[in-house]
C-alpha atoms as a PDB file:
ATOM      1  CA  UNK A   1     -24.438  26.659  -7.643  1.00  0.00           C
ATOM      2  CA  UNK A   2     -21.720  26.578  -4.956  1.00  0.00           C
ATOM      3  CA  UNK A   3     -18.681  28.881  -4.880  1.00  0.00           C
ATOM      4  CA  UNK A   4     -19.866  30.219  -8.270  1.00  0.00           C
ATOM      5  CA  UNK A   5     -19.405  26.769  -9.809  1.00  0.00           C
ATOM      6  CA  UNK A   6     -22.239  24.850 -11.441  1.00  0.00           C
ATOM      7  CA  UNK A   7     -23.109  21.363 -10.199  1.00  0.00           C
ATOM      8  CA  UNK A   8     -24.407  19.417 -13.167  1.00  0.00           C
ATOM      9  CA  UNK A   9     -27.900  17.890 -12.928  1.00  0.00           C
ATOM     10  CA  UNK A  10     -26.669  14.342 -13.537  1.00  0.00           C
ATOM     11  CA  UNK A  11     -25.594  11.234 -11.675  1.00  0.00           C
ATOM     12  CA  UNK A  12     -22.619   8.982 -11.175  1.00  0.00           C
ATOM     13  CA  UNK A  13     -23.335   5.393 -12.086  1.00  0.00           C
ATOM     14  CA  UNK A  14     -21.748   2.805  -9.782  1.00  0.00           C
ATOM     15  CA  UNK A  15     -21.872  -0.971  -9.574  1.00  0.00           C
ATOM     16  CA  UNK A  16     -21.342  -3.871  -7.185  1.00  0.00           C
ATOM     17  CA  UNK A  17     -17.966  -5.431  -6.571  1.00  0.00           C
ATOM     18  CA  UNK A  18     -16.034  -7.738  -4.288  1.00  0.00           C
ATOM     19  CA  UNK A  19     -13.241  -6.330  -2.154  1.00  0.00           C
ATOM     20  CA  UNK A  20     -10.674  -7.345   0.391  1.00  0.00           C
ATOM     21  CA  UNK A  21      -8.766  -5.027   2.703  1.00  0.00           C
ATOM     22  CA  UNK A  22      -5.267  -5.995   3.779  1.00  0.00           C
ATOM     23  CA  UNK A  23      -2.527  -4.470   5.881  1.00  0.00           C
ATOM     24  CA  UNK A  24       1.006  -4.618   4.448  1.00  0.00           C
ATOM     25  CA  UNK A  25       4.077  -3.913   6.573  1.00  0.00           C
ATOM     26  CA  UNK A  26       7.774  -3.659   5.746  1.00  0.00           C
ATOM     27  CA  UNK A  27      11.119  -2.775   7.286  1.00  0.00           C
ATOM     28  CA  UNK A  28      11.309   0.714   5.742  1.00  0.00           C
ATOM     29  CA  UNK A  29       9.454   3.149   3.511  1.00  0.00           C
ATOM     30  CA  UNK A  30      11.423   2.260   0.383  1.00  0.00           C
ATOM     31  CA  UNK A  31      10.397  -1.401   0.568  1.00  0.00           C
ATOM     32  CA  UNK A  32       6.842  -0.607   1.651  1.00  0.00           C
ATOM     33  CA  UNK A  33       6.305   1.878  -1.169  1.00  0.00           C
ATOM     34  CA  UNK A  34       7.690  -0.530  -3.744  1.00  0.00           C
ATOM     35  CA  UNK A  35       5.388  -3.324  -2.583  1.00  0.00           C
ATOM     36  CA  UNK A  36       2.141  -1.382  -2.325  1.00  0.00           C
ATOM     37  CA  UNK A  37       2.670   0.578  -5.534  1.00  0.00           C
ATOM     38  CA  UNK A  38       3.542  -2.580  -7.456  1.00  0.00           C
ATOM     39  CA  UNK A  39       0.517  -4.441  -6.119  1.00  0.00           C
ATOM     40  CA  UNK A  40      -2.010  -1.660  -6.721  1.00  0.00           C
ATOM     41  CA  UNK A  41      -0.491  -0.072  -9.812  1.00  0.00           C
ATOM     42  CA  UNK A  42      -2.827  -1.316 -12.562  1.00  0.00           C
ATOM     43  CA  UNK A  43      -6.515  -0.317 -12.212  1.00  0.00           C
ATOM     44  CA  UNK A  44      -7.943  -2.908 -14.554  1.00  0.00           C
ATOM     45  CA  UNK A  45     -11.423  -4.060 -13.510  1.00  0.00           C
ATOM     46  CA  UNK A  46     -12.646  -2.542 -16.790  1.00  0.00           C
ATOM     47  CA  UNK A  47     -10.855  -5.378 -18.579  1.00  0.00           C
ATOM     48  CA  UNK A  48     -12.228  -7.995 -16.165  1.00  0.00           C
ATOM     49  CA  UNK A  49      -9.203  -8.175 -13.876  1.00  0.00           C
ATOM     50  CA  UNK A  50      -8.721  -6.936 -10.301  1.00  0.00           C
ATOM     51  CA  UNK A  51      -7.792  -3.414  -9.300  1.00  0.00           C
ATOM     52  CA  UNK A  52      -6.486  -1.929  -6.097  1.00  0.00           C
ATOM     53  CA  UNK A  53      -5.586   1.198  -4.241  1.00  0.00           C
ATOM     54  CA  UNK A  54      -3.922   2.542  -1.134  1.00  0.00           C
ATOM     55  CA  UNK A  55      -6.458   3.524   1.497  1.00  0.00           C
ATOM     56  CA  UNK A  56      -4.111   4.776   4.202  1.00  0.00           C
ATOM     57  CA  UNK A  57      -0.458   4.855   5.254  1.00  0.00           C
ATOM     58  CA  UNK A  58       0.199   3.613   8.803  1.00  0.00           C
ATOM     59  CA  UNK A  59       2.850   4.320  11.425  1.00  0.00           C
ATOM     60  CA  UNK A  60       4.499   1.779  13.694  1.00  0.00           C
ATOM     61  CA  UNK A  61       1.951   1.845  16.513  1.00  0.00           C
ATOM     62  CA  UNK A  62      -0.917   1.157  14.072  1.00  0.00           C
ATOM     63  CA  UNK A  63       0.326  -2.221  12.797  1.00  0.00           C
ATOM     64  CA  UNK A  64       0.404  -5.720  14.336  1.00  0.00           C
ATOM     65  CA  UNK A  65       4.181  -6.100  14.062  1.00  0.00           C
ATOM     66  CA  UNK A  66       5.181  -2.560  15.043  1.00  0.00           C
ATOM     67  CA  UNK A  67       6.524  -1.613  11.606  1.00  0.00           C
ATOM     68  CA  UNK A  68       5.316   0.995   9.140  1.00  0.00           C
ATOM     69  CA  UNK A  69       2.506  -0.173   6.914  1.00  0.00           C
ATOM     70  CA  UNK A  70      -0.330   0.589   4.545  1.00  0.00           C
ATOM     71  CA  UNK A  71      -3.971  -0.404   4.219  1.00  0.00           C
ATOM     72  CA  UNK A  72      -4.777  -1.623   0.715  1.00  0.00           C
ATOM     73  CA  UNK A  73      -8.020  -2.567  -0.972  1.00  0.00           C
ATOM     74  CA  UNK A  74      -8.329  -4.938  -3.917  1.00  0.00           C
ATOM     75  CA  UNK A  75     -11.507  -5.192  -5.983  1.00  0.00           C
ATOM     76  CA  UNK A  76     -13.062  -7.597  -8.450  1.00  0.00           C
ATOM     77  CA  UNK A  77     -16.252  -7.878 -10.453  1.00  0.00           C
ATOM     78  CA  UNK A  78     -19.299  -9.390  -8.727  1.00  0.00           C
ATOM     79  CA  UNK A  79     -21.687 -11.414 -10.886  1.00  0.00           C
ATOM     80  CA  UNK A  80     -24.905 -11.900  -8.910  1.00  0.00           C
ATOM     81  CA  UNK A  81     -25.824 -14.871 -11.094  1.00  0.00           C
ATOM     82  CA  UNK A  82     -22.687 -16.771 -10.071  1.00  0.00           C
ATOM     83  CA  UNK A  83     -21.265 -15.485  -6.804  1.00  0.00           C
ATOM     84  CA  UNK A  84     -19.147 -18.598  -6.220  1.00  0.00           C
ATOM     85  CA  UNK A  85     -17.345 -18.186  -9.520  1.00  0.00           C
ATOM     86  CA  UNK A  86     -16.939 -14.453  -8.896  1.00  0.00           C
ATOM     87  CA  UNK A  87     -15.175 -15.180  -5.600  1.00  0.00           C
ATOM     88  CA  UNK A  88     -12.975 -17.842  -7.196  1.00  0.00           C
ATOM     89  CA  UNK A  89     -11.922 -15.482  -9.961  1.00  0.00           C
ATOM     90  CA  UNK A  90     -11.307 -12.702  -7.446  1.00  0.00           C
ATOM     91  CA  UNK A  91      -9.086 -14.992  -5.378  1.00  0.00           C
ATOM     92  CA  UNK A  92      -7.083 -16.002  -8.431  1.00  0.00           C
ATOM     93  CA  UNK A  93      -6.526 -12.427  -9.547  1.00  0.00           C
ATOM     94  CA  UNK A  94      -5.777 -11.259  -5.988  1.00  0.00           C
ATOM     95  CA  UNK A  95      -3.125 -13.940  -5.652  1.00  0.00           C
ATOM     96  CA  UNK A  96      -1.310 -12.536  -8.705  1.00  0.00           C
ATOM     97  CA  UNK A  97      -1.234  -9.084  -7.108  1.00  0.00           C
ATOM     98  CA  UNK A  98       0.137 -10.426  -3.842  1.00  0.00           C
ATOM     99  CA  UNK A  99       2.657 -12.842  -5.342  1.00  0.00           C
ATOM    100  CA  UNK A 100       4.057 -10.523  -7.989  1.00  0.00           C
ATOM    101  CA  UNK A 101       3.826  -7.223  -6.107  1.00  0.00           C
ATOM    102  CA  UNK A 102       4.253  -7.858  -2.390  1.00  0.00           C
ATOM    103  CA  UNK A 103       5.764 -11.294  -1.741  1.00  0.00           C
ATOM    104  CA  UNK A 104       8.740 -10.539  -4.002  1.00  0.00           C
ATOM    105  CA  UNK A 105       9.571  -7.308  -2.147  1.00  0.00           C
ATOM    106  CA  UNK A 106      12.010  -7.938   0.737  1.00  0.00           C
ATOM    107  CA  UNK A 107      10.835  -7.687   4.390  1.00  0.00           C
ATOM    108  CA  UNK A 108       7.090  -7.475   3.650  1.00  0.00           C
ATOM    109  CA  UNK A 109       4.262  -9.144   5.587  1.00  0.00           C
ATOM    110  CA  UNK A 110       0.483  -9.161   5.100  1.00  0.00           C
ATOM    111  CA  UNK A 111      -2.263  -9.087   7.734  1.00  0.00           C
ATOM    112  CA  UNK A 112      -6.032  -9.235   7.369  1.00  0.00           C
ATOM    113  CA  UNK A 113      -7.781  -5.882   7.819  1.00  0.00           C
ATOM    114  CA  UNK A 114     -11.431  -6.733   7.142  1.00  0.00           C
ATOM    115  CA  UNK A 115     -13.545  -8.906   9.427  1.00  0.00           C
ATOM    116  CA  UNK A 116     -16.780  -9.816   7.675  1.00  0.00           C
ATOM    117  CA  UNK A 117     -17.296 -13.500   8.390  1.00  0.00           C
ATOM    118  CA  UNK A 118     -16.415 -14.279   4.752  1.00  0.00           C
ATOM    119  CA  UNK A 119     -12.827 -15.313   4.133  1.00  0.00           C
ATOM    120  CA  UNK A 120     -10.449 -16.458   1.419  1.00  0.00           C
ATOM    121  CA  UNK A 121      -7.910 -19.134   2.348  1.00  0.00           C
ATOM    122  CA  UNK A 122      -4.584 -17.888   0.989  1.00  0.00           C
ATOM    123  CA  UNK A 123      -2.778 -21.226   1.291  1.00  0.00           C
ATOM    124  CA  UNK A 124      -3.592 -22.659  -2.137  1.00  0.00           C
ATOM    125  CA  UNK A 125      -2.516 -19.795  -4.385  1.00  0.00           C
ATOM    126  CA  UNK A 126      -0.062 -17.898  -2.154  1.00  0.00           C
ATOM    127  CA  UNK A 127       1.034 -20.193   0.662  1.00  0.00           C
ATOM    128  CA  UNK A 128       2.151 -22.903  -1.727  1.00  0.00           C
ATOM    129  CA  UNK A 129       4.698 -20.507  -3.186  1.00  0.00           C
ATOM    130  CA  UNK A 130       6.779 -22.183  -0.470  1.00  0.00           C
ATOM    131  CA  UNK A 131       6.724 -25.322  -2.648  1.00  0.00           C
ATOM    132  CA  UNK A 132       5.801 -27.484   0.321  1.00  0.00           C
ATOM    133  CA  UNK A 133       8.300 -25.868   2.685  1.00  0.00           C
ATOM    134  CA  UNK A 134       5.724 -23.370   3.940  1.00  0.00           C
ATOM    135  CA  UNK A 135       4.461 -23.832   7.496  1.00  0.00           C
ATOM    136  CA  UNK A 136       2.006 -22.288   9.924  1.00  0.00           C
ATOM    137  CA  UNK A 137       2.652 -20.145  12.964  1.00  0.00           C
ATOM    138  CA  UNK A 138       0.580 -18.025  15.324  1.00  0.00           C
ATOM    139  CA  UNK A 139       1.436 -14.366  15.739  1.00  0.00           C
ATOM    140  CA  UNK A 140      -0.539 -12.247  18.211  1.00  0.00           C
ATOM    141  CA  UNK A 141      -3.556 -14.474  17.792  1.00  0.00           C
ATOM    142  CA  UNK A 142      -3.355 -14.479  14.005  1.00  0.00           C
ATOM    143  CA  UNK A 143      -2.912 -17.667  11.985  1.00  0.00           C
ATOM    144  CA  UNK A 144       0.017 -16.928   9.679  1.00  0.00           C
ATOM    145  CA  UNK A 145       1.523 -18.774   6.732  1.00  0.00           C
ATOM    146  CA  UNK A 146       5.335 -18.643   6.759  1.00  0.00           C
ATOM    147  CA  UNK A 147       6.909 -18.901   3.290  1.00  0.00           C
ATOM    148  CA  UNK A 148      10.716 -19.299   3.245  1.00  0.00           C
ATOM    149  CA  UNK A 149      12.342 -17.076   0.619  1.00  0.00           C
ATOM    150  CA  UNK A 150      15.912 -16.193  -0.343  1.00  0.00           C
ATOM    151  CA  UNK A 151      15.654 -12.897   1.578  1.00  0.00           C
ATOM    152  CA  UNK A 152      14.065 -14.402   4.675  1.00  0.00           C
ATOM    153  CA  UNK A 153      10.502 -15.466   5.478  1.00  0.00           C
ATOM    154  CA  UNK A 154       7.378 -13.916   3.989  1.00  0.00           C
ATOM    155  CA  UNK A 155       4.396 -13.966   6.350  1.00  0.00           C
ATOM    156  CA  UNK A 156       0.779 -13.676   5.282  1.00  0.00           C
ATOM    157  CA  UNK A 157      -2.317 -14.163   7.395  1.00  0.00           C
ATOM    158  CA  UNK A 158      -3.971 -17.330   6.146  1.00  0.00           C
ATOM    159  CA  UNK A 159      -7.557 -16.076   6.028  1.00  0.00           C
ATOM    160  CA  UNK A 160      -8.266 -12.693   4.433  1.00  0.00           C
ATOM    161  CA  UNK A 161     -11.750 -11.259   4.833  1.00  0.00           C
ATOM    162  CA  UNK A 162     -13.745 -10.131   1.832  1.00  0.00           C
ATOM    163  CA  UNK A 163     -17.097  -8.468   1.274  1.00  0.00           C
ATOM    164  CA  UNK A 164     -19.365  -6.758  -1.228  1.00  0.00           C
ATOM    165  CA  UNK A 165     -18.927  -3.051  -1.864  1.00  0.00           C
ATOM    166  CA  UNK A 166     -19.530  -0.369  -4.468  1.00  0.00           C
ATOM    167  CA  UNK A 167     -17.253   0.481  -7.374  1.00  0.00           C
ATOM    168  CA  UNK A 168     -17.150   3.231  -9.932  1.00  0.00           C
ATOM    169  CA  UNK A 169     -18.508   6.227  -8.070  1.00  0.00           C
ATOM    170  CA  UNK A 170     -16.999   9.244  -9.783  1.00  0.00           C
ATOM    171  CA  UNK A 171     -16.913  12.961 -10.348  1.00  0.00           C
ATOM    172  CA  UNK A 172     -15.696  14.950 -13.331  1.00  0.00           C
ATOM    173  CA  UNK A 173     -13.896  18.249 -12.834  1.00  0.00           C
ATOM    174  CA  UNK A 174     -14.471  20.524 -15.825  1.00  0.00           C
ATOM    175  CA  UNK A 175     -11.492  22.852 -15.728  1.00  0.00           C
ATOM    176  CA  UNK A 176     -10.200  25.876 -17.559  1.00  0.00           C
ATOM    177  CA  UNK A 177      -6.574  24.786 -17.873  1.00  0.00           C
ATOM    178  CA  UNK A 178      -4.109  22.048 -17.054  1.00  0.00           C
ATOM    179  CA  UNK A 179      -2.851  23.658 -13.853  1.00  0.00           C
ATOM    180  CA  UNK A 180      -6.330  23.994 -12.327  1.00  0.00           C
ATOM    181  CA  UNK A 181      -7.171  20.422 -13.369  1.00  0.00           C
ATOM    182  CA  UNK A 182      -4.113  19.015 -11.639  1.00  0.00           C
ATOM    183  CA  UNK A 183      -4.507  21.240  -8.578  1.00  0.00           C
ATOM    184  CA  UNK A 184      -8.157  20.289  -8.148  1.00  0.00           C
ATOM    185  CA  UNK A 185      -7.439  16.623  -8.746  1.00  0.00           C
ATOM    186  CA  UNK A 186      -4.612  16.573  -6.234  1.00  0.00           C
ATOM    187  CA  UNK A 187      -6.741  18.374  -3.673  1.00  0.00           C
ATOM    188  CA  UNK A 188      -9.534  15.832  -4.066  1.00  0.00           C
ATOM    189  CA  UNK A 189      -7.179  12.846  -3.876  1.00  0.00           C
ATOM    190  CA  UNK A 190      -5.531  14.225  -0.735  1.00  0.00           C
ATOM    191  CA  UNK A 191      -8.907  14.752   0.931  1.00  0.00           C
ATOM    192  CA  UNK A 192     -10.169  11.270   0.064  1.00  0.00           C
ATOM    193  CA  UNK A 193      -6.960   9.691   1.358  1.00  0.00           C
ATOM    194  CA  UNK A 194      -8.061  10.629   4.887  1.00  0.00           C
ATOM    195  CA  UNK A 195     -11.380   8.758   4.610  1.00  0.00           C
ATOM    196  CA  UNK A 196     -11.768   5.255   5.983  1.00  0.00           C
ATOM    197  CA  UNK A 197     -12.980   2.604   3.551  1.00  0.00           C
ATOM    198  CA  UNK A 198     -12.248   4.600   0.368  1.00  0.00           C
ATOM    199  CA  UNK A 199      -9.754   4.182  -2.466  1.00  0.00           C
ATOM    200  CA  UNK A 200      -9.252   6.074  -5.724  1.00  0.00           C
ATOM    201  CA  UNK A 201      -7.813   3.341  -7.987  1.00  0.00           C
ATOM    202  CA  UNK A 202      -6.988   5.671 -10.900  1.00  0.00           C
ATOM    203  CA  UNK A 203      -5.759   8.613  -8.789  1.00  0.00           C
ATOM    204  CA  UNK A 204      -6.376  11.529 -11.208  1.00  0.00           C
ATOM    205  CA  UNK A 205      -7.744   9.778 -14.287  1.00  0.00           C
ATOM    206  CA  UNK A 206      -7.268  11.422 -17.679  1.00  0.00           C
ATOM    207  CA  UNK A 207      -9.305   8.925 -19.688  1.00  0.00           C
ATOM    208  CA  UNK A 208     -13.021   8.751 -19.057  1.00  0.00           C
ATOM    209  CA  UNK A 209     -14.374   5.832 -21.065  1.00  0.00           C
ATOM    210  CA  UNK A 210     -17.612   4.764 -22.712  1.00  0.00           C
ATOM    211  CA  UNK A 211     -19.083   1.277 -23.243  1.00  0.00           C
ATOM    212  CA  UNK A 212     -19.875   1.760 -26.937  1.00  0.00           C
ATOM    213  CA  UNK A 213     -16.695   1.383 -28.951  1.00  0.00           C
ATOM    214  CA  UNK A 214     -15.425   0.886 -32.475  1.00  0.00           C
ATOM    215  CA  UNK A 215     -12.799  -1.513 -31.106  1.00  0.00           C
ATOM    216  CA  UNK A 216     -14.547  -3.961 -28.708  1.00  0.00           C
ATOM    217  CA  UNK A 217     -11.537  -6.279 -28.694  1.00  0.00           C
ATOM    218  CA  UNK A 218      -9.597  -3.790 -26.534  1.00  0.00           C
ATOM    219  CA  UNK A 219     -12.417  -2.927 -24.129  1.00  0.00           C
ATOM    220  CA  UNK A 220     -13.645   0.567 -23.188  1.00  0.00           C
ATOM    221  CA  UNK A 221     -12.304   3.400 -25.312  1.00  0.00           C
ATOM    222  CA  UNK A 222     -12.153   7.186 -25.023  1.00  0.00           C
ATOM    223  CA  UNK A 223     -15.338   9.091 -24.200  1.00  0.00           C
ATOM    224  CA  UNK A 224     -14.924  11.188 -27.333  1.00  0.00           C
ATOM    225  CA  UNK A 225     -17.764  13.724 -26.822  1.00  0.00           C
ATOM    226  CA  UNK A 226     -15.909  14.935 -23.712  1.00  0.00           C
ATOM    227  CA  UNK A 227     -12.403  15.204 -25.213  1.00  0.00           C
ATOM    228  CA  UNK A 228     -11.707  18.982 -25.363  1.00  0.00           C
ATOM    229  CA  UNK A 229      -9.196  18.694 -28.203  1.00  0.00           C
ATOM    230  CA  UNK A 230     -11.943  17.373 -30.514  1.00  0.00           C
ATOM    231  CA  UNK A 231     -13.756  20.720 -30.336  1.00  0.00           C
ATOM    232  CA  UNK A 232     -15.038  21.684 -33.765  1.00  0.00           C
ATOM    233  CA  UNK A 233     -14.276  18.302 -35.328  1.00  0.00           C
ATOM    234  CA  UNK A 234     -17.125  16.018 -34.219  1.00  0.00           C
ATOM    235  CA  UNK A 235     -20.915  16.481 -34.319  1.00  0.00           C
ATOM    236  CA  UNK A 236     -21.623  15.118 -30.814  1.00  0.00           C
ATOM    237  CA  UNK A 237     -19.114  17.309 -28.945  1.00  0.00           C
ATOM    238  CA  UNK A 238     -20.351  18.072 -25.387  1.00  0.00           C
ATOM    239  CA  UNK A 239     -17.588  20.036 -23.666  1.00  0.00           C
ATOM    240  CA  UNK A 240     -18.757  23.499 -22.500  1.00  0.00           C
ATOM    241  CA  UNK A 241     -17.063  26.597 -23.847  1.00  0.00           C
ATOM    242  CA  UNK A 242     -13.962  27.517 -21.882  1.00  0.00           C
ATOM    243  CA  UNK A 243     -13.364  23.985 -20.557  1.00  0.00           C
ATOM    244  CA  UNK A 244     -10.099  22.466 -21.752  1.00  0.00           C
ATOM    245  CA  UNK A 245      -9.342  19.672 -19.263  1.00  0.00           C
ATOM    246  CA  UNK A 246     -11.634  17.145 -17.564  1.00  0.00           C
ATOM    247  CA  UNK A 247      -9.986  14.933 -14.944  1.00  0.00           C
ATOM    248  CA  UNK A 248     -12.111  12.127 -13.521  1.00  0.00           C
ATOM    249  CA  UNK A 249     -11.856  10.871  -9.951  1.00  0.00           C
ATOM    250  CA  UNK A 250     -13.089   7.270  -9.593  1.00  0.00           C
ATOM    251  CA  UNK A 251     -14.126   6.080  -6.132  1.00  0.00           C
ATOM    252  CA  UNK A 252     -14.469   2.551  -4.755  1.00  0.00           C
ATOM    253  CA  UNK A 253     -15.740   2.169  -1.193  1.00  0.00           C
ATOM    254  CA  UNK A 254     -16.977  -0.393   1.281  1.00  0.00           C
ATOM    255  CA  UNK A 255     -20.620   0.761   1.019  1.00  0.00           C
ATOM    256  CA  UNK A 256     -22.900   3.027  -0.977  1.00  0.00           C
ATOM    257  CA  UNK A 257     -23.116   5.480   1.919  1.00  0.00           C
ATOM    258  CA  UNK A 258     -19.330   5.760   2.001  1.00  0.00           C
ATOM    259  CA  UNK A 259     -19.257   6.334  -1.779  1.00  0.00           C
ATOM    260  CA  UNK A 260     -21.762   9.163  -1.376  1.00  0.00           C
ATOM    261  CA  UNK A 261     -19.781  10.698   1.480  1.00  0.00           C
ATOM    262  CA  UNK A 262     -16.591  10.475  -0.561  1.00  0.00           C
ATOM    263  CA  UNK A 263     -18.204  12.132  -3.567  1.00  0.00           C
ATOM    264  CA  UNK A 264     -19.471  14.915  -1.320  1.00  0.00           C
ATOM    265  CA  UNK A 265     -15.979  15.467   0.092  1.00  0.00           C
ATOM    266  CA  UNK A 266     -14.536  15.398  -3.428  1.00  0.00           C
ATOM    267  CA  UNK A 267     -16.935  18.051  -4.701  1.00  0.00           C
ATOM    268  CA  UNK A 268     -16.457  20.224  -1.635  1.00  0.00           C
ATOM    269  CA  UNK A 269     -12.722  20.311  -2.229  1.00  0.00           C
ATOM    270  CA  UNK A 270     -12.855  20.715  -5.998  1.00  0.00           C
ATOM    271  CA  UNK A 271     -15.149  23.747  -6.006  1.00  0.00           C
ATOM    272  CA  UNK A 272     -12.625  25.724  -3.966  1.00  0.00           C
ATOM    273  CA  UNK A 273     -10.021  25.650  -6.735  1.00  0.00           C
ATOM    274  CA  UNK A 274      -9.877  28.589  -9.134  1.00  0.00           C
ATOM    275  CA  UNK A 275     -10.231  27.395 -12.703  1.00  0.00           C
ATOM    276  CA  UNK A 276     -12.752  24.662 -11.938  1.00  0.00           C
ATOM    277  CA  UNK A 277     -15.776  25.710 -13.982  1.00  0.00           C
ATOM    278  CA  UNK A 278     -18.269  22.889 -13.437  1.00  0.00           C
ATOM    279  CA  UNK A 279     -18.696  19.569 -11.605  1.00  0.00           C
ATOM    280  CA  UNK A 280     -20.227  16.638 -13.451  1.00  0.00           C
ATOM    281  CA  UNK A 281     -20.078  12.825 -13.402  1.00  0.00           C
ATOM    282  CA  UNK A 282     -19.880   9.858 -15.715  1.00  0.00           C
ATOM    283  CA  UNK A 283     -22.759   7.511 -16.379  1.00  0.00           C
ATOM    284  CA  UNK A 284     -23.941   5.162 -19.066  1.00  0.00           C
ATOM    285  CA  UNK A 285     -27.683   5.616 -18.967  1.00  0.00           C
ATOM    286  CA  UNK A 286     -28.085   2.958 -16.296  1.00  0.00           C
ATOM    287  CA  UNK A 287     -26.477   0.238 -18.420  1.00  0.00           C
ATOM    288  CA  UNK A 288     -23.423  -0.272 -16.229  1.00  0.00           C
ATOM    289  CA  UNK A 289     -24.537  -0.612 -12.623  1.00  0.00           C
ATOM    290  CA  UNK A 290     -27.446  -0.648 -10.203  1.00  0.00           C
ATOM    291  CA  UNK A 291     -26.521   2.530  -8.295  1.00  0.00           C
ATOM    292  CA  UNK A 292     -27.225   6.096  -9.368  1.00  0.00           C
ATOM    293  CA  UNK A 293     -25.730   8.802  -7.169  1.00  0.00           C
ATOM    294  CA  UNK A 294     -27.240  12.164  -8.129  1.00  0.00           C
ATOM    295  CA  UNK A 295     -24.865  15.065  -7.617  1.00  0.00           C
ATOM    296  CA  UNK A 296     -27.540  17.534  -6.535  1.00  0.00           C
ATOM    297  CA  UNK A 297     -28.798  15.129  -3.902  1.00  0.00           C
ATOM    298  CA  UNK A 298     -25.432  14.714  -2.221  1.00  0.00           C
ATOM    299  CA  UNK A 299     -24.364  18.332  -2.808  1.00  0.00           C
ATOM    300  CA  UNK A 300     -27.493  20.521  -3.057  1.00  0.00           C
END
């Protein structure tokens, strides 16, 4: 128990993924917000696509070109049996995010923000948006692709670093009412936004899922035993008495240690909110991923 709130004796199940970390800049906050929100707006790894999130907002003296910016992470599924194909698929999906979310927003530029020794060459699927009129330049020691557009040039660093990280760390906040659920969720999201190497791709997520489904053609469906409004209507109902809302906070991070630290910070902030009755986590009996993060080990 901590702050009179029970910490469930369970674990969060997480899995391996591929990620890149980029720095996006723009002329003003309106353009920057449009670009980063468009590019990261659909958290869809669960349907075998990429997902992304905003790690940190940056001020002018924190960016290569002296403009406001944001650090973004994008993630894809890692298949250990075919790493080459995993990277190729990740690159393809990442290029959609960049081309349709960032490149089309006026005044934006992209810089690499992860040096790992492993890189993706952005020329083929992003640079060639210049239709052969793209060219190379060097900017502050960075090799940049210049793509002429109708609103001026779009610049993107040619080689973006990528690496292996951990996806799907999570906590569940079992709450008394809607207000406490939103307050606790917002408090957790705000706290995690100050951590380096962490994103919360779903923000406050209202839809915890399960792998077993009656409709496999649409992917994961609602985790029905934990839907409070089904109280009294299903035999496998698992929501404790008095709990009426269960937001989930999903965490992706650059390493398992960072996931654990982020979950610890999340719990520490959630338990301070009145109306939070219990902290739990989502798992699938070890079927989903190789990592099990036990709540009572990170928050005894």
